[in-house]
Amino acid sequence: MDTLTAARLQMTVSLAFHMVFAAIGIGLPLLLVLVEGRYLRTGQQQDLDLAKRWAKVTGLLFAVGAISGTALAFELGLLWPRYMEITGAVVGHIFGLEGYAFFLEAIFIGLYLYGWDRLSPRAHWWCGVVIAVSGMVSGILVLGVNAWMQLPVGFELDGSRVVVSDPIAIFKQAGWFYMAVHSTLACYTSVAFAVAGYYAFTSLRGRNGVQSLTAMNIAMAVGAVAALLQPVSGDFLAKFVFQTQPAKFAAMEGQFETQARAPLRIGGWPDTEARRTDWAIELPGGLSFLAAHDMNAVVPGLDQVPETDWPNVELTHLSFQIMVGIGVYLMLLSVWYWFARYRQGSAFAPSRLLLWALVISAPLGFIALEAGWMVTEVGRQPWVINGVLRTEDAVTTADGVPAVFYLFTALYVTLTITVLVLLRRMARPPQSGTRDAA
C-alpha cells in the first residue's frame, strides 16, 4: 500500500468513526435537556430516570469522542503537513475557537454528571442547556474549516508564504451557513431516530412501556422537525454547490453532458467510460429546475471539467442517492408517527408495524450522515483545498504511513468494541429495589 492510499484510508476510517460521536455530542444533549425539562414540569420519577440514563450515555460517548478527536488532530499534522501549513495560517484560529467550545462543553458535562444532588434542579437543567449549545457551536465552528476547504477565501499564496487578508472571510460566505444548518440538522436527525428506534425495540420486547413511549415522543419531536427541515436546507446547499463546485454537482447527479432541461435522476449507476448514467429514473427538466428554478436552464456536466479533476463519480453519486433516499424515508416516517399520534390522542400506542419502521430507522440517520460527508469530501477530490492544493501534494513524504494506518484502525476497533460493551451494560433493566433506573 502506497503512502497516499494509506493516508486517505486512515482519514476515512478516522472521520467515519469520529463523526458518529460528534453527532451524538450535538444531538443527545438536546434530548437530555428536553427530558429533564419535562421532569421539572411533571415531577415524574420515570422522567428523572430517563434523564439520568441519557446523561450516563452522554458522558461515555463524549469521552470516546474526545479520544477519537485527539487522534484525528494528530493525524492531520502527521499525514498532511502542507495542508496544515496553509490551513493553520488561514483558519487555525477557528480550530482554536472550536477548542474553547469543546472545553466549555467538557466542564459543564462534569457539572451535570456530578451535580444531580449538589445543584438546584433549575441550575442543573441550565448546565444541560450549556452542554447542548456548546456542542452545537463546536460543530458549527469546525464546519467553518470544512467550508473553507470547499471555497478557500481570505488569503493569498506568495510563493510558499501564506498571506492572510481576512481571517473571518469564510463566515461571510453563504456556503458556511448552508453547511452548518444542514450538518446540524443531520446530527439531530441521526440521534433522534437512533433513540426512537432503540425505544421502539424495547417496546416490542414489552419493556419500559410508559418510559419508552415518553422517550419515543421526545426523540420523534426533534427528529420530525429536523427531518422536515432537512430537504429545505439541502436544497439551499445544493444550489450553492451548483454555483461554486460544478464538478461535484455533476458527479452528485451523474451529469456527464452539459445540457439544457437536464433530467433529475433517481438511482442509476454512472458509467465513466461511456459517460452516461445507466438504469436511472429520469424526470425531464427536474435537475435544471432544482438547480436554477428554470426547467430550461443549462446544467454544466463533467465534460466541462478536465478528467484529471473529476472526483470519484460512482462513489459521489451513490452516496448522494443514499443520503437523499434515507432522508425521504425518515421524513415520511415522521409524518406517519405524528399523524398516528394525532389520530389516537392521549391513548396513543404505536402499532407493531410503526414500531418496526422505527427500529429500521435507528441506524439510517447515521448512514445518511456518513453518506452526506462522503459527498462533501469525495466530491471535492482531487483537491484537499479546492483549486489550491491537491491531495497528492499535501500528503507526507515520511515512511511508515501504512503501519500507522493499521495501528489507528486497531485503536478505533478497540474503542468500538469497548463502547458497545458498555452501552449494552447500561441498557440492562435496573435491578428491583433500586431507586436509580439509570
Protein backbone atom coordinates (compact mmCIF):
# COMPACT_ATOMS: atom_id res chain seq x y z
CA MET A 1 0.00 0.00 0.00
CA ASP A 2 1.47 3.37 -1.00
CA THR A 3 1.64 6.37 1.32
CA LEU A 4 -1.16 8.37 -0.31
CA THR A 5 -3.62 5.45 -0.25
CA ALA A 6 -2.80 4.63 3.37
CA ALA A 7 -3.16 8.26 4.43
CA ARG A 8 -6.51 8.64 2.67
CA LEU A 9 -7.83 5.38 4.13
CA GLN A 10 -6.72 6.44 7.58
CA MET A 11 -8.58 9.74 7.32
CA THR A 12 -11.64 7.89 6.00
CA VAL A 13 -11.70 5.48 8.94
CA SER A 14 -10.94 8.21 11.47
CA LEU A 15 -13.57 10.63 10.23
CA ALA A 16 -16.22 7.93 9.80
CA PHE A 17 -15.67 6.89 13.42
CA HIS A 18 -15.37 10.35 14.91
CA MET A 19 -18.38 11.79 13.11
CA VAL A 20 -20.74 9.39 14.87
CA PHE A 21 -19.59 10.63 18.27
CA ALA A 22 -19.52 14.25 17.14
CA ALA A 23 -23.14 13.91 16.01
CA ILE A 24 -24.12 12.32 19.32
CA GLY A 25 -22.36 15.14 21.16
CA ILE A 26 -24.59 17.60 19.32
CA GLY A 27 -27.88 15.71 19.26
CA LEU A 28 -28.14 13.78 22.52
CA PRO A 29 -27.71 16.79 24.88
CA LEU A 30 -30.76 18.41 23.27
CA LEU A 31 -32.85 15.33 24.04
CA LEU A 32 -31.39 15.34 27.54
CA VAL A 33 -32.45 18.94 28.10
CA LEU A 34 -35.96 18.18 26.87
CA VAL A 35 -36.47 15.14 29.07
CA GLU A 36 -35.10 16.85 32.19
CA GLY A 37 -37.26 19.87 31.42
CA ARG A 38 -40.22 17.51 31.28
CA TYR A 39 -39.24 16.16 34.72
CA LEU A 40 -39.13 19.69 36.14
CA ARG A 41 -42.70 20.20 34.88
CA THR A 42 -44.18 16.82 35.80
CA GLY A 43 -42.08 15.64 38.74
CA GLN A 44 -42.46 12.07 37.46
CA GLN A 45 -39.74 9.67 38.56
CA GLN A 46 -39.68 7.95 35.17
CA ASP A 47 -38.61 11.21 33.50
CA LEU A 48 -35.79 11.64 36.01
CA ASP A 49 -34.70 8.04 35.49
CA LEU A 50 -34.64 8.60 31.73
CA ALA A 51 -32.62 11.78 32.10
CA LYS A 52 -30.07 10.04 34.31
CA ARG A 53 -29.69 7.17 31.88
CA TRP A 54 -29.18 9.51 28.93
CA ALA A 55 -26.71 11.55 30.98
CA LYS A 56 -24.53 8.48 31.55
CA VAL A 57 -24.61 7.65 27.85
CA THR A 58 -23.73 11.26 27.01
CA GLY A 59 -20.73 11.19 29.36
CA LEU A 60 -19.43 7.91 27.96
CA LEU A 61 -19.76 8.86 24.31
CA PHE A 62 -18.33 12.33 24.91
CA ALA A 63 -15.21 10.73 26.40
CA VAL A 64 -14.80 8.40 23.42
CA GLY A 65 -15.39 11.29 21.02
CA ALA A 66 -12.68 13.27 22.79
CA ILE A 67 -10.23 10.38 22.31
CA SER A 68 -11.04 9.99 18.62
CA GLY A 69 -10.91 13.75 18.09
CA THR A 70 -7.47 13.95 19.69
CA ALA A 71 -6.24 11.11 17.48
CA LEU A 72 -7.68 12.88 14.45
CA ALA A 73 -5.84 16.08 15.31
CA PHE A 74 -2.54 14.18 15.45
CA GLU A 75 -3.29 12.51 12.12
CA LEU A 76 -3.85 15.84 10.39
CA GLY A 77 -0.45 17.09 11.47
CA LEU A 78 1.40 13.84 10.79
CA LEU A 79 -0.15 12.92 7.46
CA TRP A 80 -0.88 16.26 5.77
CA PRO A 81 1.89 18.76 6.63
CA ARG A 82 1.41 21.02 3.60
CA TYR A 83 -2.33 21.16 4.21
CA MET A 84 -1.77 22.12 7.85
CA GLU A 85 0.76 24.77 6.84
CA ILE A 86 -1.84 26.61 4.78
CA THR A 87 -4.86 25.81 6.93
CA GLY A 88 -3.13 26.73 10.16
CA ALA A 89 -2.26 30.16 8.84
CA VAL A 90 -5.69 30.96 7.44
CA VAL A 91 -8.26 29.21 9.66
CA GLY A 92 -6.21 27.89 12.56
CA HIS A 93 -7.99 30.34 14.86
CA ILE A 94 -11.28 28.62 14.01
CA PHE A 95 -9.83 25.37 15.32
CA GLY A 96 -8.86 27.31 18.44
CA LEU A 97 -12.37 28.66 18.92
CA GLU A 98 -13.76 25.17 18.45
CA GLY A 99 -11.40 24.03 21.20
CA TYR A 100 -12.85 26.66 23.58
CA ALA A 101 -16.36 25.42 22.84
CA PHE A 102 -15.22 21.84 23.40
CA PHE A 103 -13.65 22.65 26.78
CA LEU A 104 -16.77 24.55 27.82
CA GLU A 105 -18.84 21.51 26.94
CA ALA A 106 -16.48 19.25 28.90
CA ILE A 107 -16.63 21.45 32.00
CA PHE A 108 -20.41 21.53 32.06
CA ILE A 109 -20.68 17.79 31.38
CA GLY A 110 -18.70 17.34 34.58
CA LEU A 111 -21.02 19.70 36.45
CA TYR A 112 -24.03 17.94 35.01
CA LEU A 113 -22.93 14.39 35.79
CA TYR A 114 -21.85 15.13 39.35
CA GLY A 115 -24.39 17.84 40.14
CA TRP A 116 -27.63 15.87 40.43
CA ASP A 117 -27.73 16.19 44.23
CA ARG A 118 -25.41 19.17 44.55
CA LEU A 119 -27.08 21.78 42.32
CA SER A 120 -30.61 23.10 42.40
CA PRO A 121 -32.87 21.44 39.80
CA ARG A 122 -33.01 24.62 37.72
CA ALA A 123 -29.24 25.19 37.86
CA HIS A 124 -28.67 21.58 36.88
CA TRP A 125 -31.02 21.93 33.90
CA TRP A 126 -29.20 25.08 32.76
CA CYS A 127 -25.93 23.12 32.80
CA GLY A 128 -27.58 20.81 30.30
CA VAL A 129 -28.55 23.78 28.15
CA VAL A 130 -24.92 24.93 28.07
CA ILE A 131 -23.83 21.44 27.01
CA ALA A 132 -26.36 21.39 24.17
CA VAL A 133 -25.45 24.88 22.95
CA SER A 134 -21.66 24.48 23.23
CA GLY A 135 -21.79 21.13 21.44
CA MET A 136 -23.73 22.69 18.58
CA VAL A 137 -21.37 25.70 18.42
CA SER A 138 -18.34 23.40 18.40
CA GLY A 139 -19.71 21.57 15.38
CA ILE A 140 -20.59 24.79 13.57
CA LEU A 141 -17.08 26.18 14.06
CA VAL A 142 -15.46 23.02 12.70
CA LEU A 143 -17.71 23.34 9.68
CA GLY A 144 -16.15 26.76 9.11
CA VAL A 145 -12.87 24.98 8.39
CA ASN A 146 -14.51 22.45 6.08
CA ALA A 147 -16.47 25.16 4.27
CA TRP A 148 -13.17 26.96 3.72
CA MET A 149 -11.71 23.78 2.20
CA GLN A 150 -14.61 23.77 -0.26
CA LEU A 151 -14.34 27.50 -1.01
CA PRO A 152 -10.94 28.84 0.14
CA VAL A 153 -11.10 32.60 0.69
CA GLY A 154 -9.36 35.29 2.71
CA PHE A 155 -5.73 34.57 1.77
CA GLU A 156 -3.12 34.63 -1.00
CA LEU A 157 -0.09 32.48 -1.69
CA ASP A 158 3.10 34.48 -2.17
CA GLY A 159 5.34 31.68 -3.32
CA SER A 160 5.46 29.34 -0.34
CA ARG A 161 4.31 32.07 2.06
CA VAL A 162 0.66 32.31 3.13
CA VAL A 163 -0.64 35.89 3.35
CA VAL A 164 -3.95 36.20 5.21
CA SER A 165 -6.15 39.08 4.10
CA ASP A 166 -9.36 38.36 6.03
CA PRO A 167 -9.38 35.85 8.93
CA ILE A 168 -13.19 35.64 9.04
CA ALA A 169 -13.81 35.62 5.29
CA ILE A 170 -15.38 32.15 5.32
CA PHE A 171 -18.08 33.26 7.76
CA LYS A 172 -19.14 35.88 5.23
CA GLN A 173 -19.87 33.18 2.65
CA ALA A 174 -23.32 31.65 2.33
CA GLY A 175 -21.78 28.20 1.88
CA TRP A 176 -20.65 28.04 5.50
CA PHE A 177 -24.15 28.87 6.75
CA TYR A 178 -25.79 26.31 4.48
CA MET A 179 -23.32 23.62 5.54
CA ALA A 180 -23.73 24.49 9.22
CA VAL A 181 -27.52 24.26 9.10
CA HIS A 182 -27.58 21.09 7.01
CA SER A 183 -24.99 19.27 9.10
CA THR A 184 -26.50 20.30 12.44
CA LEU A 185 -29.93 19.11 11.34
CA ALA A 186 -28.33 15.84 10.22
CA CYS A 187 -26.88 15.35 13.71
CA TYR A 188 -30.24 15.95 15.37
CA THR A 189 -31.94 13.63 12.88
CA SER A 190 -29.41 10.82 13.35
CA VAL A 191 -29.52 10.85 17.14
CA ALA A 192 -33.28 11.31 17.39
CA PHE A 193 -34.14 8.36 15.15
CA ALA A 194 -31.48 6.18 16.80
CA VAL A 195 -33.06 6.87 20.20
CA ALA A 196 -36.60 6.41 18.86
CA GLY A 197 -35.56 3.14 17.19
CA TYR A 198 -34.00 1.80 20.38
CA TYR A 199 -37.07 2.52 22.48
CA ALA A 200 -39.33 1.14 19.76
CA PHE A 201 -37.32 -2.08 20.08
CA THR A 202 -37.74 -2.13 23.87
CA SER A 203 -41.48 -1.61 23.37
CA LEU A 204 -41.64 -4.59 21.03
CA ARG A 205 -39.97 -6.66 23.75
CA GLY A 206 -42.51 -5.44 26.31
CA ARG A 207 -40.09 -3.39 28.41
CA ASN A 208 -40.43 0.10 29.94
CA GLY A 209 -43.86 0.74 28.40
CA VAL A 210 -44.61 4.30 29.55
CA GLN A 211 -40.97 5.35 29.68
CA SER A 212 -40.33 4.01 26.18
CA LEU A 213 -43.32 5.94 24.83
CA THR A 214 -42.07 9.12 26.51
CA ALA A 215 -38.61 8.62 25.02
CA MET A 216 -40.05 7.99 21.56
CA ASN A 217 -42.26 11.09 21.74
CA ILE A 218 -39.33 13.32 22.74
CA ALA A 219 -37.00 11.81 20.14
CA MET A 220 -39.57 11.96 17.37
CA ALA A 221 -40.41 15.59 18.19
CA VAL A 222 -36.80 16.51 17.48
CA GLY A 223 -36.43 14.01 14.65
CA ALA A 224 -39.56 15.12 12.83
CA VAL A 225 -38.66 18.82 12.91
CA ALA A 226 -35.11 18.09 11.74
CA ALA A 227 -36.21 15.61 9.04
CA LEU A 228 -38.79 18.02 7.63
CA LEU A 229 -36.35 20.95 7.58
CA GLN A 230 -33.51 18.90 6.10
CA PRO A 231 -34.76 18.93 2.47
CA VAL A 232 -35.07 22.73 2.62
CA SER A 233 -31.52 23.17 3.91
CA GLY A 234 -30.27 20.58 1.42
CA ASP A 235 -31.86 22.48 -1.45
CA PHE A 236 -30.06 25.71 -0.49
CA LEU A 237 -26.76 23.84 -0.12
CA ALA A 238 -27.14 22.02 -3.44
CA LYS A 239 -27.82 25.29 -5.25
CA PHE A 240 -24.67 26.76 -3.71
CA VAL A 241 -22.66 23.73 -4.86
CA PHE A 242 -24.14 24.15 -8.34
CA GLN A 243 -22.84 27.73 -8.43
CA THR A 244 -19.40 27.14 -6.88
CA GLN A 245 -18.38 23.47 -7.43
CA PRO A 246 -19.71 22.33 -10.83
CA ALA A 247 -17.61 19.13 -10.86
CA LYS A 248 -19.02 17.99 -7.53
CA PHE A 249 -22.58 18.88 -8.56
CA ALA A 250 -22.26 16.98 -11.84
CA ALA A 251 -20.84 13.92 -10.04
CA MET A 252 -23.64 14.02 -7.46
CA GLU A 253 -26.25 13.95 -10.19
CA GLY A 254 -24.46 11.69 -12.69
CA GLN A 255 -24.48 14.53 -15.21
CA PHE A 256 -21.81 13.84 -17.83
CA GLU A 257 -23.01 16.12 -20.62
CA THR A 258 -23.73 19.83 -20.44
CA GLN A 259 -27.36 20.28 -21.39
CA ALA A 260 -30.45 22.40 -21.08
CA ARG A 261 -33.51 20.84 -19.48
CA ALA A 262 -31.29 18.39 -17.62
CA PRO A 263 -33.18 15.48 -16.05
CA LEU A 264 -33.29 14.72 -12.34
CA ARG A 265 -32.00 11.18 -11.89
CA ILE A 266 -33.33 8.86 -9.22
CA GLY A 267 -30.96 5.96 -8.67
CA GLY A 268 -28.80 4.78 -11.54
CA TRP A 269 -25.12 3.92 -11.85
CA PRO A 270 -22.60 6.20 -13.61
CA ASP A 271 -20.54 4.61 -16.39
CA THR A 272 -17.47 6.85 -16.57
CA GLU A 273 -16.09 5.15 -19.69
CA ALA A 274 -19.31 5.52 -21.68
CA ARG A 275 -20.01 8.86 -19.93
CA ARG A 276 -23.61 8.12 -19.07
CA THR A 277 -25.68 7.11 -16.07
CA ASP A 278 -27.49 3.81 -16.59
CA TRP A 279 -30.68 2.46 -15.02
CA ALA A 280 -31.80 5.78 -13.55
CA ILE A 281 -35.38 7.03 -13.39
CA GLU A 282 -35.19 10.39 -15.15
CA LEU A 283 -37.54 13.31 -14.62
CA PRO A 284 -37.10 15.66 -17.63
CA GLY A 285 -36.06 19.18 -16.64
CA GLY A 286 -36.06 18.27 -12.94
CA LEU A 287 -32.38 18.92 -12.33
CA SER A 288 -32.44 22.22 -14.22
CA PHE A 289 -35.40 23.34 -12.12
CA LEU A 290 -33.83 22.33 -8.79
CA ALA A 291 -30.53 23.98 -9.71
CA ALA A 292 -31.83 27.26 -11.11
CA HIS A 293 -35.65 27.32 -10.74
CA ASP A 294 -35.86 27.07 -14.52
CA MET A 295 -36.65 23.80 -16.29
CA ASN A 296 -34.76 25.02 -19.36
CA ALA A 297 -31.62 26.11 -17.51
CA VAL A 298 -28.28 24.76 -18.73
CA VAL A 299 -26.56 22.44 -16.26
CA PRO A 300 -22.79 22.04 -16.80
CA GLY A 301 -21.68 18.44 -17.00
CA LEU A 302 -18.41 16.70 -16.33
CA ASP A 303 -17.50 17.34 -19.98
CA GLN A 304 -16.68 20.91 -18.85
CA VAL A 305 -14.07 19.63 -16.37
CA PRO A 306 -10.68 18.06 -17.22
CA GLU A 307 -10.93 14.35 -16.44
CA THR A 308 -7.90 14.64 -14.15
CA ASP A 309 -10.04 16.92 -11.96
CA TRP A 310 -13.02 14.57 -11.75
CA PRO A 311 -13.96 13.23 -8.34
CA ASN A 312 -14.88 9.58 -7.93
CA VAL A 313 -18.18 9.86 -9.81
CA GLU A 314 -19.58 6.46 -8.86
CA LEU A 315 -18.99 6.89 -5.14
CA THR A 316 -20.18 10.51 -5.09
CA HIS A 317 -23.40 9.69 -6.96
CA LEU A 318 -24.12 6.58 -4.89
CA SER A 319 -23.54 8.42 -1.61
CA PHE A 320 -25.80 11.25 -2.69
CA GLN A 321 -28.59 8.84 -3.65
CA ILE A 322 -28.29 7.00 -0.32
CA MET A 323 -28.44 10.26 1.63
CA VAL A 324 -31.49 11.54 -0.24
CA GLY A 325 -33.29 8.19 -0.16
CA ILE A 326 -32.86 7.82 3.60
CA GLY A 327 -33.89 11.43 4.13
CA VAL A 328 -37.16 10.82 2.29
CA TYR A 329 -37.82 7.68 4.34
CA LEU A 330 -37.23 9.44 7.65
CA MET A 331 -39.39 12.38 6.61
CA LEU A 332 -42.30 10.09 5.67
CA LEU A 333 -41.83 8.10 8.88
CA SER A 334 -42.07 11.33 10.88
CA VAL A 335 -45.35 12.21 9.20
CA TRP A 336 -46.69 8.69 9.84
CA TYR A 337 -45.71 8.77 13.53
CA TRP A 338 -47.26 12.14 14.32
CA PHE A 339 -50.35 11.50 12.25
CA ALA A 340 -50.93 8.31 14.26
CA ARG A 341 -50.23 10.26 17.46
CA TYR A 342 -52.76 12.91 16.44
CA ARG A 343 -55.41 10.34 15.48
CA GLN A 344 -55.15 8.40 18.76
CA GLY A 345 -54.61 11.34 21.10
CA SER A 346 -53.76 10.55 24.72
CA ALA A 347 -54.44 6.85 24.09
CA PHE A 348 -51.61 6.71 21.53
CA ALA A 349 -49.97 3.31 21.28
CA PRO A 350 -47.78 2.76 18.19
CA SER A 351 -48.71 -0.24 16.10
CA ARG A 352 -46.20 -3.04 15.70
CA LEU A 353 -45.72 -2.02 12.08
CA LEU A 354 -44.87 1.55 13.12
CA LEU A 355 -42.55 0.27 15.85
CA TRP A 356 -40.69 -1.93 13.37
CA ALA A 357 -40.41 1.02 10.96
CA LEU A 358 -38.78 2.98 13.80
CA VAL A 359 -36.43 0.10 14.60
CA ILE A 360 -35.34 0.01 10.96
CA SER A 361 -34.73 3.77 11.08
CA ALA A 362 -32.34 3.54 14.07
CA PRO A 363 -29.09 3.27 12.06
CA LEU A 364 -30.33 5.05 8.95
CA GLY A 365 -29.73 8.59 10.16
CA PHE A 366 -26.07 7.83 10.80
CA ILE A 367 -25.76 6.06 7.45
CA ALA A 368 -27.19 9.16 5.75
CA LEU A 369 -24.82 11.35 7.78
CA GLU A 370 -21.80 9.34 6.65
CA ALA A 371 -23.07 9.29 3.06
CA GLY A 372 -23.51 13.06 3.11
CA TRP A 373 -19.95 13.54 4.24
CA MET A 374 -18.76 11.18 1.52
CA VAL A 375 -20.45 13.51 -0.96
CA THR A 376 -18.79 16.52 0.65
CA GLU A 377 -15.30 15.09 0.84
CA VAL A 378 -15.09 12.72 -2.13
CA GLY A 379 -16.88 15.26 -4.33
CA ARG A 380 -14.11 17.79 -3.62
CA GLN A 381 -11.36 15.46 -4.81
CA PRO A 382 -8.73 15.50 -6.19
CA TRP A 383 -8.32 18.69 -4.12
CA VAL A 384 -7.78 18.78 -0.38
CA ILE A 385 -8.17 22.59 -0.59
CA ASN A 386 -10.39 23.18 -3.58
CA GLY A 387 -8.47 24.65 -6.51
CA VAL A 388 -5.42 25.39 -4.33
CA LEU A 389 -3.78 22.18 -3.11
CA ARG A 390 -4.15 18.67 -4.49
CA THR A 391 -4.44 15.79 -2.07
CA GLU A 392 -1.40 14.04 -3.55
CA ASP A 393 0.68 17.19 -2.98
CA ALA A 394 -0.44 17.58 0.64
CA VAL A 395 0.48 14.13 1.92
CA THR A 396 3.60 13.50 4.00
CA THR A 397 6.78 12.15 2.43
CA ALA A 398 7.65 10.18 5.57
CA ASP A 399 7.82 6.38 5.56
CA GLY A 400 5.71 4.04 7.66
CA VAL A 401 2.27 5.51 6.95
CA PRO A 402 0.66 2.10 6.19
CA ALA A 403 1.79 0.83 9.60
CA VAL A 404 0.31 3.89 11.26
CA PHE A 405 -2.96 3.25 9.39
CA TYR A 406 -3.16 -0.28 10.79
CA LEU A 407 -2.32 0.98 14.29
CA PHE A 408 -5.01 3.67 14.32
CA THR A 409 -7.56 1.29 12.78
CA ALA A 410 -6.89 -1.12 15.65
CA LEU A 411 -7.46 1.77 18.07
CA TYR A 412 -10.86 2.56 16.55
CA VAL A 413 -11.87 -1.11 16.51
CA THR A 414 -10.94 -1.36 20.20
CA LEU A 415 -12.90 1.77 21.04
CA THR A 416 -15.92 0.47 19.11
CA ILE A 417 -15.94 -2.83 20.98
CA THR A 418 -15.50 -1.03 24.32
CA VAL A 419 -18.37 1.35 23.62
CA LEU A 420 -20.71 -1.46 22.53
CA VAL A 421 -19.94 -3.49 25.66
CA LEU A 422 -20.51 -0.50 27.96
CA LEU A 423 -23.70 0.56 26.19
CA ARG A 424 -25.02 -2.99 26.46
CA ARG A 425 -24.41 -2.91 30.21
CA MET A 426 -26.14 0.46 30.51
CA ALA A 427 -29.13 -0.87 28.58
CA ARG A 428 -29.80 -3.64 31.08
CA PRO A 429 -33.01 -3.16 33.11
CA PRO A 430 -32.33 -1.95 36.68
CA GLN A 431 -32.46 -4.50 39.46
CA SER A 432 -35.58 -4.46 41.55
CA GLY A 433 -35.48 -2.21 44.56
CA THR A 434 -33.02 0.29 43.11
CA ARG A 435 -34.08 3.90 43.03
CA ASP A 436 -31.85 4.99 40.19
CA ALA A 437 -33.14 3.47 36.95
CA ALA A 438 -30.13 4.82 35.08
